[in-house]
PDB file of N, CA and C in Angstrom:
ATOM      1  N   MET A   1       0.836  -1.176   0.000  1.00  0.00           N
ATOM      2  CA  MET A   1       0.000   0.000   0.000  1.00  0.00           C
ATOM      3  C   MET A   1       0.883   1.242   0.000  1.00  0.00           C
ATOM      4  N   GLN A   2       0.407   2.234  -0.659  1.00  0.00           N
ATOM      5  CA  GLN A   2       1.173   3.471  -0.723  1.00  0.00           C
ATOM      6  C   GLN A   2       0.765   4.424   0.388  1.00  0.00           C
ATOM      7  N   LEU A   3       1.672   5.283   0.764  1.00  0.00           N
ATOM      8  CA  LEU A   3       1.399   6.310   1.759  1.00  0.00           C
ATOM      9  C   LEU A   3       0.610   7.425   1.093  1.00  0.00           C
ATOM     10  N   LEU A   4      -0.541   7.747   1.638  1.00  0.00           N
ATOM     11  CA  LEU A   4      -1.416   8.753   1.050  1.00  0.00           C
ATOM     12  C   LEU A   4      -1.170  10.118   1.685  1.00  0.00           C
ATOM     13  N   SER A   5      -1.610  11.144   0.993  1.00  0.00           N
ATOM     14  CA  SER A   5      -1.577  12.468   1.607  1.00  0.00           C
ATOM     15  C   SER A   5      -2.617  12.500   2.718  1.00  0.00           C
ATOM     16  N   LEU A   6      -2.519  13.469   3.591  1.00  0.00           N
ATOM     17  CA  LEU A   6      -3.428  13.537   4.731  1.00  0.00           C
ATOM     18  C   LEU A   6      -4.877  13.664   4.279  1.00  0.00           C
ATOM     19  N   LYS A   7      -5.144  14.468   3.261  1.00  0.00           N
ATOM     20  CA  LYS A   7      -6.517  14.657   2.780  1.00  0.00           C
ATOM     21  C   LYS A   7      -7.074  13.353   2.204  1.00  0.00           C
ATOM     22  N   GLN A   8      -6.287  12.643   1.434  1.00  0.00           N
ATOM     23  CA  GLN A   8      -6.736  11.376   0.861  1.00  0.00           C
ATOM     24  C   GLN A   8      -6.949  10.327   1.951  1.00  0.00           C
ATOM     25  N   ALA A   9      -6.084  10.315   2.934  1.00  0.00           N
ATOM     26  CA  ALA A   9      -6.215   9.351   4.027  1.00  0.00           C
ATOM     27  C   ALA A   9      -7.476   9.603   4.837  1.00  0.00           C
ATOM     28  N   ILE A  10      -7.773  10.848   5.110  1.00  0.00           N
ATOM     29  CA  ILE A  10      -8.992  11.178   5.860  1.00  0.00           C
ATOM     30  C   ILE A  10     -10.227  10.831   5.045  1.00  0.00           C
ATOM     31  N   THR A  11     -10.199  11.101   3.748  1.00  0.00           N
ATOM     32  CA  THR A  11     -11.331  10.750   2.886  1.00  0.00           C
ATOM     33  C   THR A  11     -11.555   9.242   2.863  1.00  0.00           C
ATOM     34  N   ARG A  12     -10.483   8.473   2.762  1.00  0.00           N
ATOM     35  CA  ARG A  12     -10.615   7.018   2.738  1.00  0.00           C
ATOM     36  C   ARG A  12     -11.123   6.497   4.076  1.00  0.00           C
ATOM     37  N   ARG A  13     -10.661   7.083   5.176  1.00  0.00           N
ATOM     38  CA  ARG A  13     -11.136   6.662   6.490  1.00  0.00           C
ATOM     39  C   ARG A  13     -12.618   6.965   6.656  1.00  0.00           C
ATOM     40  N   ARG A  14     -13.065   8.130   6.189  1.00  0.00           N
ATOM     41  CA  ARG A  14     -14.493   8.466   6.264  1.00  0.00           C
ATOM     42  C   ARG A  14     -15.330   7.503   5.437  1.00  0.00           C
ATOM     43  N   PHE A  15     -14.828   7.135   4.261  1.00  0.00           N
ATOM     44  CA  PHE A  15     -15.533   6.189   3.406  1.00  0.00           C
ATOM     45  C   PHE A  15     -15.675   4.829   4.103  1.00  0.00           C
ATOM     46  N   LEU A  16     -14.614   4.361   4.733  1.00  0.00           N
ATOM     47  CA  LEU A  16     -14.670   3.079   5.433  1.00  0.00           C
ATOM     48  C   LEU A  16     -15.597   3.148   6.646  1.00  0.00           C
ATOM     49  N   ARG A  17     -15.553   4.251   7.365  1.00  0.00           N
ATOM     50  CA  ARG A  17     -16.442   4.391   8.526  1.00  0.00           C
ATOM     51  C   ARG A  17     -17.907   4.480   8.090  1.00  0.00           C
ATOM     52  N   PHE A  18     -18.166   5.101   6.949  1.00  0.00           N
ATOM     53  CA  PHE A  18     -19.526   5.131   6.411  1.00  0.00           C
ATOM     54  C   PHE A  18     -19.979   3.716   6.070  1.00  0.00           C
ATOM     55  N   ASN A  19     -19.089   2.886   5.536  1.00  0.00           N
ATOM     56  CA  ASN A  19     -19.438   1.506   5.222  1.00  0.00           C
ATOM     57  C   ASN A  19     -19.708   0.698   6.490  1.00  0.00           C
ATOM     58  N   ILE A  20     -18.974   0.974   7.559  1.00  0.00           N
ATOM     59  CA  ILE A  20     -19.249   0.318   8.837  1.00  0.00           C
ATOM     60  C   ILE A  20     -20.638   0.700   9.324  1.00  0.00           C
ATOM     61  N   LEU A  21     -20.960   1.980   9.255  1.00  0.00           N
ATOM     62  CA  LEU A  21     -22.274   2.456   9.656  1.00  0.00           C
ATOM     63  C   LEU A  21     -23.375   1.828   8.804  1.00  0.00           C
ATOM     64  N   LEU A  22     -23.129   1.687   7.512  1.00  0.00           N
ATOM     65  CA  LEU A  22     -24.095   1.067   6.615  1.00  0.00           C
ATOM     66  C   LEU A  22     -24.351  -0.390   6.988  1.00  0.00           C
ATOM     67  N   GLY A  23     -23.316  -1.127   7.338  1.00  0.00           N
ATOM     68  CA  GLY A  23     -23.478  -2.515   7.769  1.00  0.00           C
ATOM     69  C   GLY A  23     -24.273  -2.627   9.059  1.00  0.00           C
ATOM     70  N   ILE A  24     -24.000  -1.739  10.012  1.00  0.00           N
ATOM     71  CA  ILE A  24     -24.742  -1.752  11.280  1.00  0.00           C
ATOM     72  C   ILE A  24     -26.194  -1.349  11.054  1.00  0.00           C
ATOM     73  N   LEU A  25     -26.422  -0.371  10.200  1.00  0.00           N
ATOM     74  CA  LEU A  25     -27.783   0.050   9.881  1.00  0.00           C
ATOM     75  C   LEU A  25     -28.574  -1.079   9.220  1.00  0.00           C
ATOM     76  N   THR A  26     -27.933  -1.828   8.344  1.00  0.00           N
ATOM     77  CA  THR A  26     -28.576  -2.983   7.714  1.00  0.00           C
ATOM     78  C   THR A  26     -28.978  -4.005   8.767  1.00  0.00           C
ATOM     79  N   PHE A  27     -28.103  -4.259   9.720  1.00  0.00           N
ATOM     80  CA  PHE A  27     -28.427  -5.190  10.800  1.00  0.00           C
ATOM     81  C   PHE A  27     -29.617  -4.701  11.616  1.00  0.00           C
ATOM     82  N   VAL A  28     -29.621  -3.425  11.964  1.00  0.00           N
ATOM     83  CA  VAL A  28     -30.703  -2.874  12.793  1.00  0.00           C
ATOM     84  C   VAL A  28     -32.045  -2.955  12.071  1.00  0.00           C
ATOM     85  N   VAL A  29     -32.064  -2.615  10.799  1.00  0.00           N
ATOM     86  CA  VAL A  29     -33.318  -2.661  10.031  1.00  0.00           C
ATOM     87  C   VAL A  29     -33.816  -4.098   9.919  1.00  0.00           C
ATOM     88  N   ALA A  30     -32.924  -5.039   9.620  1.00  0.00           N
ATOM     89  CA  ALA A  30     -33.336  -6.441   9.504  1.00  0.00           C
ATOM     90  C   ALA A  30     -33.835  -6.964  10.854  1.00  0.00           C
ATOM     91  N   PHE A  31     -33.167  -6.604  11.935  1.00  0.00           N
ATOM     92  CA  PHE A  31     -33.615  -7.038  13.263  1.00  0.00           C
ATOM     93  C   PHE A  31     -34.979  -6.438  13.602  1.00  0.00           C
ATOM     94  N   TYR A  32     -35.180  -5.189  13.239  1.00  0.00           N
ATOM     95  CA  TYR A  32     -36.479  -4.542  13.470  1.00  0.00           C
ATOM     96  C   TYR A  32     -37.579  -5.268  12.696  1.00  0.00           C
ATOM     97  N   LEU A  33     -37.307  -5.627  11.460  1.00  0.00           N
ATOM     98  CA  LEU A  33     -38.306  -6.344  10.663  1.00  0.00           C
ATOM     99  C   LEU A  33     -38.592  -7.730  11.225  1.00  0.00           C
ATOM    100  N   ILE A  34     -37.581  -8.389  11.757  1.00  0.00           N
ATOM    101  CA  ILE A  34     -37.798  -9.694  12.389  1.00  0.00           C
ATOM    102  C   ILE A  34     -38.707  -9.543  13.602  1.00  0.00           C
ATOM    103  N   ALA A  35     -38.477  -8.504  14.388  1.00  0.00           N
ATOM    104  CA  ALA A  35     -39.198  -8.348  15.655  1.00  0.00           C
ATOM    105  C   ALA A  35     -40.619  -7.830  15.494  1.00  0.00           C
ATOM    106  N   THR A  36     -40.890  -7.061  14.456  1.00  0.00           N
ATOM    107  CA  THR A  36     -42.181  -6.374  14.416  1.00  0.00           C
ATOM    108  C   THR A  36     -43.141  -6.812  13.310  1.00  0.00           C
ATOM    109  N   THR A  37     -42.702  -7.597  12.354  1.00  0.00           N
ATOM    110  CA  THR A  37     -43.569  -7.928  11.231  1.00  0.00           C
ATOM    111  C   THR A  37     -44.501  -9.074  11.581  1.00  0.00           C
ATOM    112  N   ASP A  38     -45.788  -8.928  11.231  1.00  0.00           N
ATOM    113  CA  ASP A  38     -46.781  -9.993  11.403  1.00  0.00           C
ATOM    114  C   ASP A  38     -46.910 -10.774  10.105  1.00  0.00           C
ATOM    115  N   PHE A  39     -47.115 -12.069  10.225  1.00  0.00           N
ATOM    116  CA  PHE A  39     -47.241 -12.930   9.055  1.00  0.00           C
ATOM    117  C   PHE A  39     -48.553 -13.687   9.116  1.00  0.00           C
ATOM    118  N   ALA A  40     -49.077 -14.041   7.950  1.00  0.00           N
ATOM    119  CA  ALA A  40     -50.362 -14.729   7.867  1.00  0.00           C
ATOM    120  C   ALA A  40     -50.240 -16.195   8.267  1.00  0.00           C
ATOM    121  N   SER A  41     -49.146 -16.830   7.925  1.00  0.00           N
ATOM    122  CA  SER A  41     -49.003 -18.255   8.227  1.00  0.00           C
ATOM    123  C   SER A  41     -47.618 -18.536   8.802  1.00  0.00           C
ATOM    124  N   TYR A  42     -47.521 -19.725   9.379  1.00  0.00           N
ATOM    125  CA  TYR A  42     -46.252 -20.134   9.970  1.00  0.00           C
ATOM    126  C   TYR A  42     -45.181 -20.349   8.896  1.00  0.00           C
ATOM    127  N   ALA A  43     -45.562 -20.869   7.759  1.00  0.00           N
ATOM    128  CA  ALA A  43     -44.605 -21.095   6.672  1.00  0.00           C
ATOM    129  C   ALA A  43     -44.046 -19.769   6.155  1.00  0.00           C
ATOM    130  N   GLU A  44     -44.913 -18.775   6.036  1.00  0.00           N
ATOM    131  CA  GLU A  44     -44.464 -17.456   5.606  1.00  0.00           C
ATOM    132  C   GLU A  44     -43.523 -16.838   6.643  1.00  0.00           C
ATOM    133  N   LEU A  45     -43.847 -17.039   7.917  1.00  0.00           N
ATOM    134  CA  LEU A  45     -42.992 -16.552   8.994  1.00  0.00           C
ATOM    135  C   LEU A  45     -41.597 -17.142   8.897  1.00  0.00           C
ATOM    136  N   LYS A  46     -41.501 -18.450   8.719  1.00  0.00           N
ATOM    137  CA  LYS A  46     -40.201 -19.109   8.640  1.00  0.00           C
ATOM    138  C   LYS A  46     -39.409 -18.653   7.417  1.00  0.00           C
ATOM    139  N   ALA A  47     -40.077 -18.490   6.281  1.00  0.00           N
ATOM    140  CA  ALA A  47     -39.381 -18.082   5.054  1.00  0.00           C
ATOM    141  C   ALA A  47     -38.831 -16.666   5.183  1.00  0.00           C
ATOM    142  N   ARG A  48     -39.653 -15.746   5.643  1.00  0.00           N
ATOM    143  CA  ARG A  48     -39.204 -14.357   5.768  1.00  0.00           C
ATOM    144  C   ARG A  48     -38.157 -14.187   6.863  1.00  0.00           C
ATOM    145  N   GLU A  49     -38.343 -14.922   7.958  1.00  0.00           N
ATOM    146  CA  GLU A  49     -37.387 -14.814   9.054  1.00  0.00           C
ATOM    147  C   GLU A  49     -36.004 -15.312   8.641  1.00  0.00           C
ATOM    148  N   ALA A  50     -35.967 -16.342   7.827  1.00  0.00           N
ATOM    149  CA  ALA A  50     -34.682 -16.847   7.333  1.00  0.00           C
ATOM    150  C   ALA A  50     -33.991 -15.800   6.462  1.00  0.00           C
ATOM    151  N   ILE A  51     -34.755 -15.131   5.622  1.00  0.00           N
ATOM    152  CA  ILE A  51     -34.189 -14.080   4.765  1.00  0.00           C
ATOM    153  C   ILE A  51     -33.677 -12.920   5.612  1.00  0.00           C
ATOM    154  N   TYR A  52     -34.484 -12.486   6.574  1.00  0.00           N
ATOM    155  CA  TYR A  52     -34.070 -11.365   7.425  1.00  0.00           C
ATOM    156  C   TYR A  52     -32.855 -11.728   8.277  1.00  0.00           C
ATOM    157  N   ASN A  53     -32.779 -12.968   8.740  1.00  0.00           N
ATOM    158  CA  ASN A  53     -31.613 -13.402   9.509  1.00  0.00           C
ATOM    159  C   ASN A  53     -30.346 -13.351   8.671  1.00  0.00           C
ATOM    160  N   ARG A  54     -30.447 -13.791   7.431  1.00  0.00           N
ATOM    161  CA  ARG A  54     -29.274 -13.746   6.554  1.00  0.00           C
ATOM    162  C   ARG A  54     -28.844 -12.312   6.278  1.00  0.00           C
ATOM    163  N   ILE A  55     -29.800 -11.437   6.083  1.00  0.00           N
ATOM    164  CA  ILE A  55     -29.475 -10.026   5.857  1.00  0.00           C
ATOM    165  C   ILE A  55     -28.823  -9.423   7.099  1.00  0.00           C
ATOM    166  N   ALA A  56     -29.361  -9.733   8.276  1.00  0.00           N
ATOM    167  CA  ALA A  56     -28.810  -9.200   9.523  1.00  0.00           C
ATOM    168  C   ALA A  56     -27.387  -9.698   9.758  1.00  0.00           C
ATOM    169  N   ILE A  57     -27.165 -10.980   9.580  1.00  0.00           N
ATOM    170  CA  ILE A  57     -25.831 -11.540   9.777  1.00  0.00           C
ATOM    171  C   ILE A  57     -24.869 -10.999   8.722  1.00  0.00           C
ATOM    172  N   GLY A  58     -25.337 -10.849   7.495  1.00  0.00           N
ATOM    173  CA  GLY A  58     -24.509 -10.268   6.445  1.00  0.00           C
ATOM    174  C   GLY A  58     -24.103  -8.843   6.769  1.00  0.00           C
ATOM    175  N   GLY A  59     -25.030  -8.054   7.329  1.00  0.00           N
ATOM    176  CA  GLY A  59     -24.713  -6.690   7.725  1.00  0.00           C
ATOM    177  C   GLY A  59     -23.658  -6.642   8.817  1.00  0.00           C
ATOM    178  N   LEU A  60     -23.755  -7.545   9.789  1.00  0.00           N
ATOM    179  CA  LEU A  60     -22.747  -7.587  10.853  1.00  0.00           C
ATOM    180  C   LEU A  60     -21.380  -8.014  10.322  1.00  0.00           C
ATOM    181  N   ILE A  61     -21.372  -9.004   9.453  1.00  0.00           N
ATOM    182  CA  ILE A  61     -20.102  -9.459   8.888  1.00  0.00           C
ATOM    183  C   ILE A  61     -19.476  -8.354   8.044  1.00  0.00           C
ATOM    184  N   TYR A  62     -20.294  -7.670   7.254  1.00  0.00           N
ATOM    185  CA  TYR A  62     -19.796  -6.575   6.423  1.00  0.00           C
ATOM    186  C   TYR A  62     -19.195  -5.470   7.286  1.00  0.00           C
ATOM    187  N   ALA A  63     -19.896  -5.099   8.359  1.00  0.00           N
ATOM    188  CA  ALA A  63     -19.387  -4.059   9.263  1.00  0.00           C
ATOM    189  C   ALA A  63     -18.077  -4.507   9.919  1.00  0.00           C
ATOM    190  N   ALA A  64     -17.992  -5.766  10.320  1.00  0.00           N
ATOM    191  CA  ALA A  64     -16.773  -6.268  10.961  1.00  0.00           C
ATOM    192  C   ALA A  64     -15.593  -6.273   9.991  1.00  0.00           C
ATOM    193  N   VAL A  65     -15.833  -6.693   8.764  1.00  0.00           N
ATOM    194  CA  VAL A  65     -14.746  -6.713   7.772  1.00  0.00           C
ATOM    195  C   VAL A  65     -14.265  -5.296   7.468  1.00  0.00           C
ATOM    196  N   MET A  66     -15.196  -4.367   7.322  1.00  0.00           N
ATOM    197  CA  MET A  66     -14.800  -2.979   7.062  1.00  0.00           C
ATOM    198  C   MET A  66     -14.042  -2.388   8.243  1.00  0.00           C
ATOM    199  N   TRP A  67     -14.448  -2.722   9.459  1.00  0.00           N
ATOM    200  CA  TRP A  67     -13.762  -2.219  10.650  1.00  0.00           C
ATOM    201  C   TRP A  67     -12.344  -2.776  10.718  1.00  0.00           C
ATOM    202  N   ILE A  68     -12.186  -4.065  10.454  1.00  0.00           N
ATOM    203  CA  ILE A  68     -10.862  -4.677  10.471  1.00  0.00           C
ATOM    204  C   ILE A  68      -9.978  -4.044   9.398  1.00  0.00           C
ATOM    205  N   PHE A  69     -10.532  -3.849   8.207  1.00  0.00           N
ATOM    206  CA  PHE A  69      -9.756  -3.232   7.134  1.00  0.00           C
ATOM    207  C   PHE A  69      -9.350  -1.812   7.509  1.00  0.00           C
ATOM    208  N   CYS A  70     -10.264  -1.074   8.124  1.00  0.00           N
ATOM    209  CA  CYS A  70      -9.965   0.305   8.542  1.00  0.00           C
ATOM    210  C   CYS A  70      -8.870   0.313   9.608  1.00  0.00           C
ATOM    211  N   ALA A  71      -8.963  -0.569  10.574  1.00  0.00           N
ATOM    212  CA  ALA A  71      -7.995  -0.595  11.672  1.00  0.00           C
ATOM    213  C   ALA A  71      -6.628  -1.091  11.224  1.00  0.00           C
ATOM    214  N   MET A  72      -6.597  -2.107  10.380  1.00  0.00           N
ATOM    215  CA  MET A  72      -5.320  -2.691   9.971  1.00  0.00           C
ATOM    216  C   MET A  72      -4.583  -1.855   8.928  1.00  0.00           C
ATOM    217  N   SER A  73      -5.306  -1.121   8.117  1.00  0.00           N
ATOM    218  CA  SER A  73      -4.652  -0.378   7.052  1.00  0.00           C
ATOM    219  C   SER A  73      -4.321   1.062   7.428  1.00  0.00           C
ATOM    220  N   LYS A  74      -4.754   1.518   8.578  1.00  0.00           N
ATOM    221  CA  LYS A  74      -4.513   2.903   8.986  1.00  0.00           C
ATOM    222  C   LYS A  74      -3.033   3.286   8.984  1.00  0.00           C
ATOM    223  N   PRO A  75      -2.133   2.464   9.503  1.00  0.00           N
ATOM    224  CA  PRO A  75      -0.715   2.865   9.491  1.00  0.00           C
ATOM    225  C   PRO A  75      -0.131   3.029   8.090  1.00  0.00           C
ATOM    226  N   PHE A  76      -0.706   2.366   7.110  1.00  0.00           N
ATOM    227  CA  PHE A  76      -0.178   2.453   5.754  1.00  0.00           C
ATOM    228  C   PHE A  76      -0.643   3.709   5.028  1.00  0.00           C
ATOM    229  N   TRP A  77      -1.756   4.269   5.441  1.00  0.00           N
ATOM    230  CA  TRP A  77      -2.332   5.392   4.721  1.00  0.00           C
ATOM    231  C   TRP A  77      -1.928   6.749   5.269  1.00  0.00           C
ATOM    232  N   PHE A  78      -1.815   6.855   6.569  1.00  0.00           N
ATOM    233  CA  PHE A  78      -1.560   8.166   7.153  1.00  0.00           C
ATOM    234  C   PHE A  78      -0.066   8.476   7.135  1.00  0.00           C
ATOM    235  N   PRO A  79       0.262   9.694   6.766  1.00  0.00           N
ATOM    236  CA  PRO A  79       1.675  10.099   6.719  1.00  0.00           C
ATOM    237  C   PRO A  79       2.273  10.064   8.118  1.00  0.00           C
ATOM    238  N   PHE A  80       3.532   9.651   8.179  1.00  0.00           N
ATOM    239  CA  PHE A  80       4.226   9.604   9.452  1.00  0.00           C
ATOM    240  C   PHE A  80       4.687  10.992   9.842  1.00  0.00           C
ATOM    241  N   LYS A  81       4.662  11.241  11.139  1.00  0.00           N
ATOM    242  CA  LYS A  81       5.243  12.490  11.641  1.00  0.00           C
ATOM    243  C   LYS A  81       6.758  12.296  11.703  1.00  0.00           C
ATOM    244  N   LYS A  82       7.491  13.367  11.688  1.00  0.00           N
ATOM    245  CA  LYS A  82       8.943  13.273  11.674  1.00  0.00           C
ATOM    246  C   LYS A  82       9.485  12.603  12.917  1.00  0.00           C
ATOM    247  N   SER A  83       8.796  12.720  14.050  1.00  0.00           N
ATOM    248  CA  SER A  83       9.266  12.103  15.286  1.00  0.00           C
ATOM    249  C   SER A  83       9.062  10.599  15.270  1.00  0.00           C
ATOM    250  N   GLN A  84       8.169  10.095  14.421  1.00  0.00           N
ATOM    251  CA  GLN A  84       7.896   8.665  14.373  1.00  0.00           C
ATOM    252  C   GLN A  84       8.811   7.929  13.391  1.00  0.00           C
ATOM    253  N   GLU A  85       9.424   8.615  12.466  1.00  0.00           N
ATOM    254  CA  GLU A  85      10.267   7.960  11.474  1.00  0.00           C
ATOM    255  C   GLU A  85      11.559   7.490  12.110  1.00  0.00           C
ATOM    256  N   LYS A  86      11.961   6.286  11.740  1.00  0.00           N
ATOM    257  CA  LYS A  86      13.222   5.727  12.281  1.00  0.00           C
ATOM    258  C   LYS A  86      13.962   5.043  11.171  1.00  0.00           C
TER     259      LYS A  86
END
């Protein structure tokens, strides 16, 4: 990875944090739909709940992957201060 300028590094960090927020928001919406939606039959309940569970778990996994990428790649993107260079 290349060392980015400070402006580019901050922009990339904001983009990754927005993706983390998007993953968490997806989880919250799917969980809300699981908890509050009424279904006509038991079969419909099971089918929709399975879909919502997959969406919720996918949102959490997406947020976790973006967070790990943001945390692990931070040293490569931000310019070093002169006191940190060795």
